[in-house]
C-alpha atoms as a PDB file:
ATOM      1  CA  MET A   1      43.104 117.049-102.720  1.00  0.00           C
ATOM      2  CA  THR A   2      45.438 120.109-102.514  1.00  0.00           C
ATOM      3  CA  ALA A   3      44.074 123.478-103.793  1.00  0.00           C
ATOM      4  CA  THR A   4      45.693 125.444-106.664  1.00  0.00           C
ATOM      5  CA  PRO A   5      47.550 128.439-105.317  1.00  0.00           C
ATOM      6  CA  GLN A   6      46.730 131.924-105.972  1.00  0.00           C
ATOM      7  CA  SER A   7      49.233 134.680-106.620  1.00  0.00           C
ATOM      8  CA  GLN A   8      50.031 136.739-103.483  1.00  0.00           C
ATOM      9  CA  SER A   9      52.364 139.338-104.856  1.00  0.00           C
ATOM     10  CA  ASP A  10      51.739 142.664-106.672  1.00  0.00           C
ATOM     11  CA  THR A  11      55.274 142.946-107.924  1.00  0.00           C
ATOM     12  CA  ARG A  12      56.708 140.980-110.831  1.00  0.00           C
ATOM     13  CA  PRO A  13      59.170 138.255-110.123  1.00  0.00           C
ATOM     14  CA  VAL A  14      62.707 139.373-110.712  1.00  0.00           C
ATOM     15  CA  THR A  15      64.819 136.477-109.150  1.00  0.00           C
ATOM     16  CA  PRO A  16      65.280 132.886-110.342  1.00  0.00           C
ATOM     17  CA  LEU A  17      63.243 131.588-107.531  1.00  0.00           C
ATOM     18  CA  GLY A  18      60.392 134.097-108.121  1.00  0.00           C
ATOM     19  CA  ILE A  19      60.325 133.303-111.685  1.00  0.00           C
ATOM     20  CA  LEU A  20      60.254 129.538-110.945  1.00  0.00           C
ATOM     21  CA  THR A  21      57.458 129.965-108.423  1.00  0.00           C
ATOM     22  CA  GLU A  22      55.397 131.917-110.993  1.00  0.00           C
ATOM     23  CA  GLN A  23      55.913 129.245-113.601  1.00  0.00           C
ATOM     24  CA  LEU A  24      54.922 126.431-111.318  1.00  0.00           C
ATOM     25  CA  GLU A  25      51.852 128.382-110.258  1.00  0.00           C
ATOM     26  CA  MET A  26      50.869 128.914-113.912  1.00  0.00           C
ATOM     27  CA  LEU A  27      51.349 125.143-114.574  1.00  0.00           C
ATOM     28  CA  LEU A  28      49.138 124.265-111.644  1.00  0.00           C
ATOM     29  CA  GLN A  29      46.351 126.524-112.972  1.00  0.00           C
ATOM     30  CA  GLN A  30      46.622 124.970-116.498  1.00  0.00           C
ATOM     31  CA  VAL A  31      46.623 121.425-115.282  1.00  0.00           C
ATOM     32  CA  GLY A  32      43.759 121.768-112.836  1.00  0.00           C
ATOM     33  CA  THR A  33      43.239 118.824-110.486  1.00  0.00           C
ATOM     34  CA  GLU A  34      43.418 116.036-113.017  1.00  0.00           C
ATOM     35  CA  PRO A  35      45.342 113.819-113.044  1.00  0.00           C
ATOM     36  CA  PRO A  36      45.725 113.976-109.175  1.00  0.00           C
ATOM     37  CA  GLU A  37      49.194 112.595-109.065  1.00  0.00           C
ATOM     38  CA  LEU A  38      50.533 115.193-111.484  1.00  0.00           C
ATOM     39  CA  HIS A  39      48.712 117.981-109.685  1.00  0.00           C
ATOM     40  CA  ASP A  40      50.065 116.877-106.248  1.00  0.00           C
ATOM     41  CA  ARG A  41      53.670 116.707-107.503  1.00  0.00           C
ATOM     42  CA  LEU A  42      53.404 120.131-109.019  1.00  0.00           C
ATOM     43  CA  TYR A  43      51.794 121.455-105.848  1.00  0.00           C
ATOM     44  CA  ARG A  44      54.640 120.134-103.670  1.00  0.00           C
ATOM     45  CA  ALA A  45      57.206 121.685-105.992  1.00  0.00           C
ATOM     46  CA  TRP A  46      55.352 125.003-105.889  1.00  0.00           C
ATOM     47  CA  GLN A  47      55.276 124.748-102.033  1.00  0.00           C
ATOM     48  CA  LEU A  48      59.044 124.383-101.905  1.00  0.00           C
ATOM     49  CA  ALA A  49      59.571 127.285-104.182  1.00  0.00           C
ATOM     50  CA  ALA A  50      56.820 129.588-102.842  1.00  0.00           C
ATOM     51  CA  GLY A  51      57.603 129.060 -99.145  1.00  0.00           C
ATOM     52  CA  LEU A  52      61.318 129.721 -99.226  1.00  0.00           C
ATOM     53  CA  ASP A  53      61.377 133.605 -99.357  1.00  0.00           C
ATOM     54  CA  PRO A  54      58.752 134.114 -96.635  1.00  0.00           C
ATOM     55  CA  TYR A  55      60.635 131.515 -94.431  1.00  0.00           C
ATOM     56  CA  LEU A  56      63.861 133.515 -94.948  1.00  0.00           C
ATOM     57  CA  GLN A  57      62.100 136.769 -93.924  1.00  0.00           C
ATOM     58  CA  THR A  58      60.785 135.021 -90.733  1.00  0.00           C
ATOM     59  CA  CYS A  59      64.125 133.672 -89.650  1.00  0.00           C
ATOM     60  CA  THR A  60      66.145 136.923 -90.468  1.00  0.00           C
ATOM     61  CA  SER A  61      66.535 139.696 -87.978  1.00  0.00           C
ATOM     62  CA  PRO A  62      63.995 142.450 -88.645  1.00  0.00           C
ATOM     63  CA  GLU A  63      65.076 145.570 -90.533  1.00  0.00           C
ATOM     64  CA  SER A  64      65.348 148.834 -88.552  1.00  0.00           C
ATOM     65  CA  ALA A  65      62.352 151.213 -88.391  1.00  0.00           C
ATOM     66  CA  ASP A  66      64.343 153.588 -90.573  1.00  0.00           C
ATOM     67  CA  LEU A  67      64.924 150.988 -93.256  1.00  0.00           C
ATOM     68  CA  ALA A  68      61.309 149.956 -93.142  1.00  0.00           C
ATOM     69  CA  VAL A  69      60.180 153.555 -93.813  1.00  0.00           C
ATOM     70  CA  LEU A  70      62.561 153.806 -96.660  1.00  0.00           C
ATOM     71  CA  ALA A  71      61.274 150.642 -98.242  1.00  0.00           C
ATOM     72  CA  GLN A  72      57.711 151.914 -97.991  1.00  0.00           C
ATOM     73  CA  ARG A  73      58.706 155.273 -99.476  1.00  0.00           C
ATOM     74  CA  THR A  74      60.345 153.516-102.412  1.00  0.00           C
ATOM     75  CA  ALA A  75      57.402 151.275-103.053  1.00  0.00           C
ATOM     76  CA  ALA A  76      54.961 154.235-102.986  1.00  0.00           C
ATOM     77  CA  GLU A  77      56.747 156.071-105.767  1.00  0.00           C
ATOM     78  CA  ALA A  78      55.255 156.100-109.321  1.00  0.00           C
ATOM     79  CA  TRP A  79      58.543 155.092-110.972  1.00  0.00           C
ATOM     80  CA  ASN A  80      57.135 154.640-114.578  1.00  0.00           C
ATOM     81  CA  GLN A  81      55.513 158.022-114.428  1.00  0.00           C
ATOM     82  CA  HIS A  82      58.583 159.612-113.025  1.00  0.00           C
ATOM     83  CA  PHE A  83      60.694 158.392-116.171  1.00  0.00           C
ATOM     84  CA  SER A  84      58.032 159.399-118.739  1.00  0.00           C
ATOM     85  CA  THR A  85      57.801 162.899-117.209  1.00  0.00           C
ATOM     86  CA  GLY A  86      61.639 163.242-116.977  1.00  0.00           C
ATOM     87  CA  THR A  87      61.692 163.331-113.165  1.00  0.00           C
ATOM     88  CA  THR A  88      64.206 160.429-113.265  1.00  0.00           C
ATOM     89  CA  ILE A  89      66.994 160.290-115.962  1.00  0.00           C
ATOM     90  CA  ARG A  90      66.749 156.544-116.316  1.00  0.00           C
ATOM     91  CA  PRO A  91      64.105 153.863-115.894  1.00  0.00           C
ATOM     92  CA  LEU A  92      63.744 152.908-112.240  1.00  0.00           C
ATOM     93  CA  GLU A  93      61.611 150.457-110.419  1.00  0.00           C
ATOM     94  CA  GLN A  94      60.672 149.299-106.907  1.00  0.00           C
ATOM     95  CA  GLU A  95      62.392 145.930-107.450  1.00  0.00           C
ATOM     96  CA  MET A  96      65.794 147.636-107.602  1.00  0.00           C
ATOM     97  CA  LEU A  97      65.542 147.974-103.858  1.00  0.00           C
ATOM     98  CA  SER A  98      67.936 145.552-102.131  1.00  0.00           C
ATOM     99  CA  GLY A  99      65.343 144.674 -99.484  1.00  0.00           C
ATOM    100  CA  HIS A 100      65.251 143.023 -96.191  1.00  0.00           C
ATOM    101  CA  ILE A 101      67.262 139.840 -96.598  1.00  0.00           C
ATOM    102  CA  GLU A 102      69.959 141.285 -98.748  1.00  0.00           C
ATOM    103  CA  GLY A 103      70.155 144.374 -96.572  1.00  0.00           C
ATOM    104  CA  GLN A 104      70.664 142.289 -93.421  1.00  0.00           C
ATOM    105  CA  ALA A 105      73.232 140.211 -95.196  1.00  0.00           C
ATOM    106  CA  LEU A 106      75.265 143.213 -96.197  1.00  0.00           C
ATOM    107  CA  LYS A 107      74.980 144.582 -92.681  1.00  0.00           C
ATOM    108  CA  MET A 108      76.176 141.333 -91.318  1.00  0.00           C
ATOM    109  CA  PHE A 109      79.201 141.246 -93.751  1.00  0.00           C
ATOM    110  CA  ILE A 110      80.230 144.786 -92.483  1.00  0.00           C
ATOM    111  CA  HIS A 111      79.989 143.565 -88.843  1.00  0.00           C
ATOM    112  CA  MET A 112      82.017 140.417 -89.695  1.00  0.00           C
ATOM    113  CA  ILE A 113      85.090 142.052 -91.357  1.00  0.00           C
ATOM    114  CA  GLN A 114      84.796 145.177 -88.952  1.00  0.00           C
ATOM    115  CA  ALA A 115      84.727 147.440 -92.027  1.00  0.00           C
ATOM    116  CA  ARG A 116      85.337 151.135 -91.473  1.00  0.00           C
ATOM    117  CA  ARG A 117      85.266 152.345 -95.040  1.00  0.00           C
ATOM    118  CA  VAL A 118      82.712 151.262 -97.580  1.00  0.00           C
ATOM    119  CA  LEU A 119      82.051 152.086-101.199  1.00  0.00           C
ATOM    120  CA  GLU A 120      78.685 151.516-102.863  1.00  0.00           C
ATOM    121  CA  ILE A 121      78.394 151.611-106.687  1.00  0.00           C
ATOM    122  CA  GLY A 122      74.748 152.205-107.355  1.00  0.00           C
ATOM    123  CA  MET A 123      72.719 153.455-104.497  1.00  0.00           C
ATOM    124  CA  PHE A 124      69.187 153.833-105.799  1.00  0.00           C
ATOM    125  CA  THR A 125      67.058 155.081-102.866  1.00  0.00           C
ATOM    126  CA  GLY A 126      69.691 154.199-100.324  1.00  0.00           C
ATOM    127  CA  TYR A 127      68.340 151.074 -98.567  1.00  0.00           C
ATOM    128  CA  SER A 128      71.506 149.014 -98.872  1.00  0.00           C
ATOM    129  CA  ALA A 129      73.605 152.011 -98.043  1.00  0.00           C
ATOM    130  CA  LEU A 130      71.691 152.728 -94.832  1.00  0.00           C
ATOM    131  CA  ALA A 131      71.781 149.001 -93.911  1.00  0.00           C
ATOM    132  CA  MET A 132      75.513 148.973 -94.137  1.00  0.00           C
ATOM    133  CA  ALA A 133      75.872 152.353 -92.358  1.00  0.00           C
ATOM    134  CA  GLU A 134      73.962 150.901 -89.410  1.00  0.00           C
ATOM    135  CA  ALA A 135      76.816 148.348 -88.996  1.00  0.00           C
ATOM    136  CA  LEU A 136      79.661 150.851 -89.317  1.00  0.00           C
ATOM    137  CA  PRO A 137      81.309 152.340 -86.283  1.00  0.00           C
ATOM    138  CA  ALA A 138      80.488 155.982 -85.279  1.00  0.00           C
ATOM    139  CA  ASP A 139      83.620 157.180 -87.163  1.00  0.00           C
ATOM    140  CA  GLY A 140      82.992 154.874 -90.136  1.00  0.00           C
ATOM    141  CA  LYS A 141      82.377 156.224 -93.669  1.00  0.00           C
ATOM    142  CA  LEU A 142      80.326 155.059 -96.647  1.00  0.00           C
ATOM    143  CA  ILE A 143      80.577 156.668-100.035  1.00  0.00           C
ATOM    144  CA  ALA A 144      77.597 155.944-102.147  1.00  0.00           C
ATOM    145  CA  CYS A 145      77.541 156.453-105.974  1.00  0.00           C
ATOM    146  CA  GLU A 146      74.275 157.323-107.712  1.00  0.00           C
ATOM    147  CA  VAL A 147      73.562 158.730-111.253  1.00  0.00           C
ATOM    148  CA  ASP A 148      69.940 159.707-110.730  1.00  0.00           C
ATOM    149  CA  PRO A 149      69.279 162.944-108.797  1.00  0.00           C
ATOM    150  CA  TYR A 150      65.718 162.018-107.875  1.00  0.00           C
ATOM    151  CA  ALA A 151      66.618 158.703-106.376  1.00  0.00           C
ATOM    152  CA  ALA A 152      69.563 160.355-104.619  1.00  0.00           C
ATOM    153  CA  ALA A 153      67.219 163.001-103.127  1.00  0.00           C
ATOM    154  CA  ILE A 154      64.962 160.287-101.656  1.00  0.00           C
ATOM    155  CA  ALA A 155      67.997 158.656-100.163  1.00  0.00           C
ATOM    156  CA  GLN A 156      69.293 161.812 -98.645  1.00  0.00           C
ATOM    157  CA  ALA A 157      66.011 162.593 -97.004  1.00  0.00           C
ATOM    158  CA  SER A 158      66.029 159.056 -95.408  1.00  0.00           C
ATOM    159  CA  PHE A 159      69.551 159.489 -94.294  1.00  0.00           C
ATOM    160  CA  GLN A 160      68.776 162.738 -92.614  1.00  0.00           C
ATOM    161  CA  SER A 161      66.127 160.925 -90.521  1.00  0.00           C
ATOM    162  CA  SER A 162      68.488 158.199 -89.293  1.00  0.00           C
ATOM    163  CA  PRO A 163      71.276 158.611 -86.838  1.00  0.00           C
ATOM    164  CA  HIS A 164      73.562 156.668 -89.090  1.00  0.00           C
ATOM    165  CA  GLY A 165      72.976 158.829 -92.043  1.00  0.00           C
ATOM    166  CA  VAL A 166      75.900 161.145 -91.157  1.00  0.00           C
ATOM    167  CA  LYS A 167      78.232 158.241 -92.007  1.00  0.00           C
ATOM    168  CA  ILE A 168      77.024 158.408 -95.647  1.00  0.00           C
ATOM    169  CA  GLN A 169      78.406 160.633 -98.416  1.00  0.00           C
ATOM    170  CA  ILE A 170      76.521 160.719-101.651  1.00  0.00           C
ATOM    171  CA  GLU A 171      78.507 161.145-104.886  1.00  0.00           C
ATOM    172  CA  LEU A 172      76.097 162.160-107.735  1.00  0.00           C
ATOM    173  CA  GLY A 173      77.251 161.348-111.321  1.00  0.00           C
ATOM    174  CA  ALA A 174      78.636 158.601-113.462  1.00  0.00           C
ATOM    175  CA  ALA A 175      80.167 155.893-111.268  1.00  0.00           C
ATOM    176  CA  LEU A 176      83.263 155.259-113.415  1.00  0.00           C
ATOM    177  CA  GLU A 177      84.097 158.931-113.207  1.00  0.00           C
ATOM    178  CA  THR A 178      83.662 158.970-109.415  1.00  0.00           C
ATOM    179  CA  LEU A 179      85.830 155.906-109.139  1.00  0.00           C
ATOM    180  CA  CYS A 180      88.643 157.496-111.059  1.00  0.00           C
ATOM    181  CA  ARG A 181      88.343 160.543-108.953  1.00  0.00           C
ATOM    182  CA  LEU A 182      88.467 158.486-105.631  1.00  0.00           C
ATOM    183  CA  ALA A 183      91.412 156.615-106.826  1.00  0.00           C
ATOM    184  CA  ASP A 184      93.361 159.752-107.800  1.00  0.00           C
ATOM    185  CA  ALA A 185      92.586 161.078-104.280  1.00  0.00           C
ATOM    186  CA  GLY A 186      94.171 157.938-102.817  1.00  0.00           C
ATOM    187  CA  GLU A 187      91.050 156.500-101.410  1.00  0.00           C
ATOM    188  CA  SER A 188      90.670 152.774-100.424  1.00  0.00           C
ATOM    189  CA  PHE A 189      87.835 150.746 -98.998  1.00  0.00           C
ATOM    190  CA  ASN A 190      87.490 147.550 -96.716  1.00  0.00           C
ATOM    191  CA  PHE A 191      84.262 146.615 -98.433  1.00  0.00           C
ATOM    192  CA  VAL A 192      82.647 147.600-101.895  1.00  0.00           C
ATOM    193  CA  PHE A 193      79.189 146.764-103.037  1.00  0.00           C
ATOM    194  CA  ILE A 194      78.115 146.918-106.751  1.00  0.00           C
ATOM    195  CA  ASP A 195      74.567 147.192-107.819  1.00  0.00           C
ATOM    196  CA  ALA A 196      74.476 149.355-110.784  1.00  0.00           C
ATOM    197  CA  ASP A 197      74.590 149.224-114.623  1.00  0.00           C
ATOM    198  CA  LYS A 198      75.162 145.523-115.410  1.00  0.00           C
ATOM    199  CA  ARG A 199      76.981 146.359-118.686  1.00  0.00           C
ATOM    200  CA  GLU A 200      79.564 148.308-116.766  1.00  0.00           C
ATOM    201  CA  TYR A 201      80.279 145.607-114.083  1.00  0.00           C
ATOM    202  CA  ILE A 202      83.513 144.530-115.798  1.00  0.00           C
ATOM    203  CA  ALA A 203      84.671 148.197-115.957  1.00  0.00           C
ATOM    204  CA  TYR A 204      83.856 148.706-112.235  1.00  0.00           C
ATOM    205  CA  PHE A 205      85.707 145.495-111.342  1.00  0.00           C
ATOM    206  CA  GLN A 206      88.864 146.192-113.424  1.00  0.00           C
ATOM    207  CA  THR A 207      88.970 149.815-112.057  1.00  0.00           C
ATOM    208  CA  LEU A 208      88.734 148.577-108.486  1.00  0.00           C
ATOM    209  CA  LEU A 209      91.596 146.053-109.050  1.00  0.00           C
ATOM    210  CA  SER A 210      93.800 148.206-111.105  1.00  0.00           C
ATOM    211  CA  THR A 211      93.892 150.857-108.359  1.00  0.00           C
ATOM    212  CA  ASN A 212      94.038 150.783-104.577  1.00  0.00           C
ATOM    213  CA  LEU A 213      90.317 151.316-104.188  1.00  0.00           C
ATOM    214  CA  LEU A 214      90.043 147.647-103.229  1.00  0.00           C
ATOM    215  CA  PRO A 215      93.379 146.768-101.497  1.00  0.00           C
ATOM    216  CA  SER A 216      94.687 143.337-100.808  1.00  0.00           C
ATOM    217  CA  GLY A 217      92.412 141.563 -98.346  1.00  0.00           C
ATOM    218  CA  GLY A 218      89.424 143.840 -99.309  1.00  0.00           C
ATOM    219  CA  PHE A 219      86.062 142.458-100.034  1.00  0.00           C
ATOM    220  CA  LEU A 220      83.680 143.089-102.934  1.00  0.00           C
ATOM    221  CA  ALA A 221      79.976 142.136-103.123  1.00  0.00           C
ATOM    222  CA  VAL A 222      78.287 142.095-106.374  1.00  0.00           C
ATOM    223  CA  ASP A 223      74.502 141.961-106.866  1.00  0.00           C
ATOM    224  CA  ASN A 224      72.473 140.379-109.517  1.00  0.00           C
ATOM    225  CA  THR A 225      75.005 137.830-110.578  1.00  0.00           C
ATOM    226  CA  LEU A 226      72.211 135.295-111.283  1.00  0.00           C
ATOM    227  CA  LEU A 227      70.118 137.892-113.084  1.00  0.00           C
ATOM    228  CA  GLN A 228      66.804 135.971-113.394  1.00  0.00           C
ATOM    229  CA  GLY A 229      68.683 132.756-114.192  1.00  0.00           C
ATOM    230  CA  GLN A 230      69.921 134.192-117.435  1.00  0.00           C
ATOM    231  CA  PRO A 231      73.646 133.580-117.013  1.00  0.00           C
ATOM    232  CA  TYR A 232      73.192 129.860-116.785  1.00  0.00           C
ATOM    233  CA  LEU A 233      70.405 129.545-119.466  1.00  0.00           C
ATOM    234  CA  PRO A 234      71.267 129.042-123.121  1.00  0.00           C
ATOM    235  CA  PRO A 235      72.881 132.247-124.610  1.00  0.00           C
ATOM    236  CA  GLU A 236      69.841 132.852-126.923  1.00  0.00           C
ATOM    237  CA  GLN A 237      67.613 133.432-123.887  1.00  0.00           C
ATOM    238  CA  ARG A 238      69.757 136.211-122.482  1.00  0.00           C
ATOM    239  CA  SER A 239      69.108 139.865-122.679  1.00  0.00           C
ATOM    240  CA  ARG A 240      71.954 142.301-123.095  1.00  0.00           C
ATOM    241  CA  ASN A 241      72.145 142.539-119.336  1.00  0.00           C
ATOM    242  CA  GLY A 242      72.052 138.785-118.929  1.00  0.00           C
ATOM    243  CA  GLU A 243      74.978 138.419-121.392  1.00  0.00           C
ATOM    244  CA  ALA A 244      76.935 141.135-119.609  1.00  0.00           C
ATOM    245  CA  ILE A 245      76.493 139.306-116.244  1.00  0.00           C
ATOM    246  CA  ALA A 246      77.515 136.000-117.889  1.00  0.00           C
ATOM    247  CA  GLN A 247      80.780 137.653-119.128  1.00  0.00           C
ATOM    248  CA  PHE A 248      81.355 139.268-115.757  1.00  0.00           C
ATOM    249  CA  ASN A 249      81.028 135.983-113.927  1.00  0.00           C
ATOM    250  CA  ARG A 250      83.428 134.172-116.358  1.00  0.00           C
ATOM    251  CA  LEU A 251      85.928 137.009-115.923  1.00  0.00           C
ATOM    252  CA  VAL A 252      85.834 136.870-112.124  1.00  0.00           C
ATOM    253  CA  ALA A 253      86.126 133.110-112.101  1.00  0.00           C
ATOM    254  CA  GLU A 254      89.320 133.316-114.258  1.00  0.00           C
ATOM    255  CA  ASP A 255      90.989 136.253-112.439  1.00  0.00           C
ATOM    256  CA  PRO A 256      93.871 135.003-110.384  1.00  0.00           C
ATOM    257  CA  ARG A 257      93.819 138.194-108.277  1.00  0.00           C
ATOM    258  CA  VAL A 258      90.634 137.200-106.474  1.00  0.00           C
ATOM    259  CA  GLU A 259      88.774 134.257-105.002  1.00  0.00           C
ATOM    260  CA  GLN A 260      85.024 134.242-104.840  1.00  0.00           C
ATOM    261  CA  VAL A 261      81.764 132.514-104.149  1.00  0.00           C
ATOM    262  CA  LEU A 262      78.426 133.025-105.896  1.00  0.00           C
ATOM    263  CA  LEU A 263      75.532 132.842-103.383  1.00  0.00           C
ATOM    264  CA  PRO A 264      71.882 132.176-104.561  1.00  0.00           C
ATOM    265  CA  LEU A 265      70.722 135.044-102.460  1.00  0.00           C
ATOM    266  CA  ARG A 266      67.751 136.891-104.179  1.00  0.00           C
ATOM    267  CA  ASP A 267      69.044 137.549-107.647  1.00  0.00           C
ATOM    268  CA  GLY A 268      72.578 136.232-106.955  1.00  0.00           C
ATOM    269  CA  LEU A 269      75.243 137.817-104.850  1.00  0.00           C
ATOM    270  CA  THR A 270      78.833 137.149-105.445  1.00  0.00           C
ATOM    271  CA  LEU A 271      81.372 137.689-102.604  1.00  0.00           C
ATOM    272  CA  ILE A 272      84.908 138.439-103.881  1.00  0.00           C
ATOM    273  CA  ARG A 273      88.116 138.772-101.802  1.00  0.00           C
ATOM    274  CA  ARG A 274      91.143 140.435-103.382  1.00  0.00           C
ATOM    275  CA  ILE A 275      94.099 138.114-102.657  1.00  0.00           C
END
């Protein structure tokens, strides 16, 4: 007889797989061991779900020491307290960190297309920015947009501790204003990563494509495009962010200027190429 699993994570599930794993675990605890056939089927389903993320971690190249320190620093922050005391200007949480698997994926993308200029919209504490910067050549440049000064300060301190931090330029303020300023200055980028306000995803996308910020042949990666499974669940089960992502996904799928693929990586990562 298989045992009922016990939760092994102190963080709340924020991906479709994490939520599915938690639901299966709760069902196992409610069902108990009787009837045995139902318990065993549920247990095998839980094993498939619960074992995937740890296996991905094992089979993916380890993060750099600098990234590991940054992840630990982010996890140690009292984010709820920071917002309640006004230290941060918006609610932030540890789960906003891109993390090991996604960080290594972004780093691999930069290597694959041999990018030299990268734009990040939504930096948080800088994990994804630093991961991508590690893949840039010595004369490469990454511009990272962040609206929260406290998160940006954590990122800047981490960048100063890394030999790759000199490639990163932080732009503090509203991302749309920064994009317009960069476009007016004639800037363009080989690769853009969006992980910011979900309700502004469409505005970011349209701004990138209506300017030369993302030129023909440029690549765009967009995070959270599965947003806890909400975009493909019934509309009544969606939050405002979930509905915003569902609308964004439809818009991208119907736009003849791009081709794209939505990957079930973490909370969903869409790769877009401007034709």
